[in-house]
Amino acid sequence: MTAFLVVPQWQGSPSSRAMRLVDGAQAIRSDLPASATREIDVPLEAGDEQGSGIARYGSLEIVRERLRTALASLDEPAIVIGGDCGVSVGAVEHVASEDVALVWFDAHPDLNTPSTSTSGAFGGMVLASLIDSGAIDASRVVLAGVRQWDSAEEDYAAEHGVTSLDVEAASRADGLAEVVAATGASRVYVHIDLDVLDPPEFGGLLEPIPFGMSPAALVSAIRALVERLPLAGASICSFAPETAERAVDDAPTILRLIGALRG
């Protein structure tokens, strides 16, 4: 059985329209089985930096601890529904182990740090924070579908030896699974920022980035991964529909992704 934790966090996003992420998380929740789903309370306030160099850090830390507490009560793998990509920190930390690989489906690598980020938004630092904290070794991280890099992120990936597959390579389902298996991991955590998808085929995004993966290719890639390696956990982030009606249009794609994760 799969547990679902809905985390309508918006504080990690740099967008002025970040509150749409709350609506997106709630829209996904409406399609999840009620008996297997719970919601993590997110502070109403933005939160302050607290000298961290990370915007809204105070609220982000509250959510992280609440999520980790909820995950600790579960025996089964969980799918965390965001909100912004920052929700993946507590979820990855929960399953962190030398046998877990992390596949990061995203249009952005999220490899900035407080010293290189121009916005201070945590959403662009999430993966680097997981590597720097030791939650995941860079050798077991596979970026998939990334197509918009900052120069500092390119430097970080090169320095730490992070593997990155472009959209074409990530869309080869068996090839992606082979790359992940080659890390030596025996389980996989799958992070999905929905902006990895091609905008003409998925509309509910704050910042659409052209030439992404097709929904069919992403579903196939996930299925091949979880057939090869058991799922340690997963997150689906960055759903930001403009209206409730638009959310309905994207719902089938999200449900197919959830079905693929569940195997």
Protein backbone atom coordinates (compact mmCIF):
# COMPACT_ATOMS: atom_id res chain seq x y z
CA MET A 1 0.00 0.00 0.00
CA THR A 2 1.17 3.53 -0.77
CA ALA A 3 0.72 6.47 1.59
CA PHE A 4 0.19 10.00 0.28
CA LEU A 5 1.34 13.10 2.14
CA VAL A 6 0.08 16.38 0.69
CA VAL A 7 2.33 19.36 1.45
CA PRO A 8 0.92 22.59 -0.03
CA GLN A 9 4.15 24.53 0.54
CA TRP A 10 4.76 27.64 -1.53
CA GLN A 11 7.55 29.34 0.41
CA GLY A 12 10.37 27.73 -1.58
CA SER A 13 9.26 29.19 -4.90
CA PRO A 14 10.73 32.38 -6.39
CA SER A 15 7.52 33.13 -8.29
CA SER A 16 5.14 35.97 -7.49
CA ARG A 17 2.38 33.47 -8.33
CA ALA A 18 3.61 30.84 -5.88
CA MET A 19 0.23 30.54 -4.15
CA ARG A 20 -0.95 28.63 -7.21
CA LEU A 21 1.15 25.76 -5.87
CA VAL A 22 -1.24 25.49 -2.93
CA ASP A 23 -4.16 25.18 -5.32
CA GLY A 24 -2.28 22.57 -7.32
CA ALA A 25 -1.55 20.40 -4.29
CA GLN A 26 -5.19 20.57 -3.23
CA ALA A 27 -6.34 19.68 -6.74
CA ILE A 28 -4.18 16.55 -6.70
CA ARG A 29 -5.41 15.67 -3.23
CA SER A 30 -9.00 15.61 -4.46
CA ASP A 31 -8.10 12.64 -6.69
CA LEU A 32 -6.26 10.62 -4.02
CA PRO A 33 -7.77 7.89 -1.82
CA ALA A 34 -8.91 9.60 1.36
CA SER A 35 -8.02 6.68 3.62
CA ALA A 36 -4.37 6.72 2.49
CA THR A 37 -3.90 10.50 2.39
CA ARG A 38 -3.02 13.09 5.00
CA GLU A 39 -2.04 16.74 4.75
CA ILE A 40 0.92 18.45 6.39
CA ASP A 41 0.08 21.87 7.82
CA VAL A 42 2.04 24.67 6.16
CA PRO A 43 2.45 28.00 8.01
CA LEU A 44 0.42 30.86 6.64
CA GLU A 45 3.30 33.28 7.04
CA ALA A 46 6.21 33.50 4.63
CA GLY A 47 8.86 33.09 7.31
CA ASP A 48 12.19 34.91 7.48
CA GLU A 49 15.72 34.13 6.37
CA GLN A 50 17.21 33.66 9.86
CA GLY A 51 20.69 34.37 8.53
CA SER A 52 20.65 31.29 6.29
CA GLY A 53 20.77 33.04 2.93
CA ILE A 54 17.55 31.19 2.09
CA ALA A 55 14.35 33.18 1.66
CA ARG A 56 11.49 32.20 4.02
CA TYR A 57 13.77 29.72 5.76
CA GLY A 58 11.82 29.71 9.04
CA SER A 59 8.64 28.38 7.47
CA LEU A 60 10.51 25.91 5.29
CA GLU A 61 12.16 24.37 8.36
CA ILE A 62 8.82 24.03 10.16
CA VAL A 63 7.35 22.13 7.21
CA ARG A 64 10.43 19.94 6.89
CA GLU A 65 10.19 18.82 10.50
CA ARG A 66 6.44 18.23 10.29
CA LEU A 67 6.91 16.10 7.18
CA ARG A 68 9.72 14.07 8.71
CA THR A 69 7.57 13.39 11.79
CA ALA A 70 4.68 12.21 9.62
CA LEU A 71 6.94 10.00 7.51
CA ALA A 72 8.44 8.41 10.62
CA SER A 73 5.01 7.03 11.52
CA LEU A 74 4.70 5.13 8.22
CA ASP A 75 5.80 1.60 7.40
CA GLU A 76 5.12 1.82 3.68
CA PRO A 77 6.71 3.97 0.94
CA ALA A 78 5.16 7.41 0.63
CA ILE A 79 4.44 9.70 -2.29
CA VAL A 80 4.75 13.33 -1.21
CA ILE A 81 2.63 15.81 -3.12
CA GLY A 82 3.86 19.41 -3.26
CA GLY A 83 3.90 22.38 -3.33
CA ASP A 84 7.34 23.50 -4.37
CA CYS A 85 10.36 21.21 -4.73
CA GLY A 86 11.51 21.95 -1.19
CA VAL A 87 9.10 19.30 0.09
CA SER A 88 11.47 16.65 -1.25
CA VAL A 89 14.15 17.43 1.35
CA GLY A 90 12.40 15.83 4.31
CA ALA A 91 11.18 12.97 2.15
CA VAL A 92 14.64 12.11 0.79
CA GLU A 93 16.16 12.47 4.25
CA HIS A 94 13.60 9.97 5.54
CA VAL A 95 14.81 7.21 3.20
CA ALA A 96 18.47 8.27 2.98
CA SER A 97 20.72 5.22 2.84
CA GLU A 98 23.72 3.97 0.87
CA ASP A 99 21.42 1.68 -1.11
CA VAL A 100 19.14 4.48 -2.40
CA ALA A 101 19.60 6.32 -5.70
CA LEU A 102 17.86 9.63 -6.37
CA VAL A 103 16.40 10.37 -9.80
CA TRP A 104 15.63 14.06 -10.20
CA PHE A 105 13.16 14.70 -13.04
CA ASP A 106 13.18 18.47 -13.45
CA ALA A 107 13.67 21.18 -16.06
CA HIS A 108 16.17 22.74 -13.62
CA PRO A 109 18.98 20.98 -11.72
CA ASP A 110 18.27 22.81 -8.43
CA LEU A 111 22.00 22.91 -7.73
CA ASN A 112 22.38 26.50 -6.59
CA THR A 113 23.49 27.29 -3.04
CA PRO A 114 22.85 30.30 -0.80
CA SER A 115 26.09 31.81 -2.11
CA THR A 116 25.25 31.36 -5.82
CA SER A 117 21.47 31.84 -5.94
CA THR A 118 20.31 35.17 -7.32
CA SER A 119 16.80 34.84 -5.87
CA GLY A 120 17.46 33.22 -2.50
CA ALA A 121 14.55 30.87 -3.23
CA PHE A 122 15.10 27.39 -1.83
CA GLY A 123 13.41 25.72 -4.79
CA GLY A 124 16.58 26.29 -6.82
CA MET A 125 18.84 24.87 -4.09
CA VAL A 126 17.06 21.69 -3.06
CA LEU A 127 19.26 19.06 -4.67
CA ALA A 128 22.50 20.81 -3.73
CA SER A 129 21.31 20.98 -0.12
CA LEU A 130 20.67 17.23 -0.07
CA ILE A 131 24.14 16.50 -1.46
CA ASP A 132 25.91 19.02 0.80
CA SER A 133 24.16 17.70 3.92
CA GLY A 134 25.21 14.13 3.13
CA ALA A 135 21.65 12.88 2.74
CA ILE A 136 22.56 11.54 -0.71
CA ASP A 137 25.94 11.00 -2.31
CA ALA A 138 26.35 12.76 -5.66
CA SER A 139 27.42 9.46 -7.24
CA ARG A 140 23.88 8.13 -6.69
CA VAL A 141 22.10 11.16 -8.15
CA VAL A 142 20.78 11.13 -11.71
CA LEU A 143 19.33 14.32 -13.18
CA ALA A 144 16.77 13.61 -15.88
CA GLY A 145 15.25 16.00 -18.41
CA VAL A 146 17.14 19.09 -17.20
CA ARG A 147 17.38 21.79 -19.85
CA GLN A 148 17.86 25.12 -18.06
CA TRP A 149 21.13 25.55 -16.15
CA ASP A 150 22.74 28.44 -14.33
CA SER A 151 26.52 28.60 -14.76
CA ALA A 152 27.02 27.99 -11.04
CA GLU A 153 24.90 24.85 -11.31
CA GLU A 154 27.01 23.58 -14.19
CA ASP A 155 30.10 24.12 -12.05
CA TYR A 156 28.51 22.34 -9.10
CA ALA A 157 27.51 19.32 -11.18
CA ALA A 158 30.99 19.04 -12.70
CA GLU A 159 32.74 19.42 -9.34
CA HIS A 160 30.58 16.81 -7.61
CA GLY A 161 30.27 14.39 -10.54
CA VAL A 162 26.48 14.54 -10.84
CA THR A 163 25.16 12.48 -13.76
CA SER A 164 22.74 14.33 -16.05
CA LEU A 165 20.62 12.93 -18.87
CA ASP A 166 19.02 15.31 -21.34
CA VAL A 167 15.41 14.97 -22.44
CA GLU A 168 16.21 12.54 -25.24
CA ALA A 169 18.31 10.27 -23.01
CA ALA A 170 15.86 10.44 -20.12
CA SER A 171 13.07 9.42 -22.47
CA ARG A 172 14.80 6.11 -23.22
CA ALA A 173 13.17 4.20 -20.40
CA ASP A 174 15.46 1.18 -20.32
CA GLY A 175 18.54 3.35 -20.73
CA LEU A 176 17.60 5.52 -17.76
CA ALA A 177 16.97 2.45 -15.62
CA GLU A 178 20.40 1.08 -16.63
CA VAL A 179 22.12 4.32 -15.61
CA VAL A 180 20.39 4.30 -12.23
CA ALA A 181 21.16 0.63 -11.62
CA ALA A 182 24.82 1.32 -12.46
CA THR A 183 25.07 3.54 -9.37
CA GLY A 184 24.98 0.34 -7.32
CA ALA A 185 21.74 1.28 -5.61
CA SER A 186 19.11 -1.32 -4.80
CA ARG A 187 16.23 1.16 -4.26
CA VAL A 188 15.25 4.41 -5.92
CA TYR A 189 13.66 7.68 -4.81
CA VAL A 190 11.91 9.48 -7.68
CA HIS A 191 11.46 13.26 -7.57
CA ILE A 192 9.21 14.72 -10.26
CA ASP A 193 9.03 18.44 -10.83
CA LEU A 194 6.23 18.62 -13.36
CA ASP A 195 8.09 21.27 -15.34
CA VAL A 196 10.13 18.38 -16.74
CA LEU A 197 7.14 17.92 -19.06
CA ASP A 198 6.72 19.62 -22.41
CA PRO A 199 4.43 22.65 -21.95
CA PRO A 200 2.16 21.92 -24.96
CA GLU A 201 1.25 18.64 -23.26
CA PHE A 202 0.94 19.89 -19.67
CA GLY A 203 -0.33 23.34 -18.83
CA GLY A 204 -0.30 23.73 -15.05
CA LEU A 205 3.17 25.23 -14.60
CA LEU A 206 4.47 28.47 -13.13
CA GLU A 207 7.45 28.59 -15.49
CA PRO A 208 7.00 26.44 -18.60
CA ILE A 209 10.32 25.46 -20.18
CA PRO A 210 10.08 24.38 -23.84
CA PHE A 211 11.13 21.02 -25.26
CA GLY A 212 10.48 18.82 -22.25
CA MET A 213 9.58 15.16 -21.91
CA SER A 214 6.24 13.92 -23.14
CA PRO A 215 3.88 12.51 -20.49
CA ALA A 216 4.06 9.12 -22.17
CA ALA A 217 7.87 9.09 -22.05
CA LEU A 218 7.92 10.14 -18.40
CA VAL A 219 5.40 7.46 -17.41
CA SER A 220 7.40 4.82 -19.29
CA ALA A 221 10.65 5.94 -17.66
CA ILE A 222 9.14 5.71 -14.19
CA ARG A 223 7.65 2.30 -14.86
CA ALA A 224 11.01 0.99 -16.06
CA LEU A 225 12.71 2.40 -12.95
CA VAL A 226 10.36 0.84 -10.42
CA GLU A 227 10.42 -2.46 -12.29
CA ARG A 228 14.20 -2.48 -11.99
CA LEU A 229 14.54 -1.04 -8.47
CA PRO A 230 11.97 -1.00 -5.64
CA LEU A 231 10.56 2.43 -4.86
CA ALA A 232 11.94 3.94 -1.66
CA GLY A 233 9.71 7.00 -1.99
CA ALA A 234 8.68 9.73 -4.39
CA SER A 235 7.55 13.31 -4.72
CA ILE A 236 5.47 15.16 -7.29
CA CYS A 237 5.91 18.92 -7.22
CA SER A 238 5.16 22.23 -8.90
CA PHE A 239 1.60 21.74 -10.09
CA ALA A 240 0.27 25.28 -10.49
CA PRO A 241 -2.95 25.37 -12.54
CA GLU A 242 -4.34 28.78 -13.43
CA THR A 243 -7.90 27.70 -12.63
CA ALA A 244 -9.78 24.70 -11.27
CA GLU A 245 -10.96 23.96 -14.80
CA ARG A 246 -7.37 23.88 -16.07
CA ALA A 247 -6.45 21.54 -13.20
CA VAL A 248 -8.97 19.04 -14.51
CA ASP A 249 -7.24 19.06 -17.90
CA ASP A 250 -3.92 18.00 -16.35
CA ALA A 251 -5.33 15.50 -13.85
CA PRO A 252 -5.09 12.43 -16.13
CA THR A 253 -1.36 12.94 -16.61
CA ILE A 254 -0.75 13.26 -12.87
CA LEU A 255 -2.81 10.17 -12.14
CA ARG A 256 -0.81 8.21 -14.74
CA LEU A 257 2.41 9.28 -13.03
CA ILE A 258 1.07 8.18 -9.66
CA GLY A 259 0.01 4.86 -11.14
CA ALA A 260 3.50 4.34 -12.59
CA LEU A 261 5.14 5.09 -9.24
CA ARG A 262 2.90 2.58 -7.50
CA GLY A 263 3.93 -0.10 -10.00
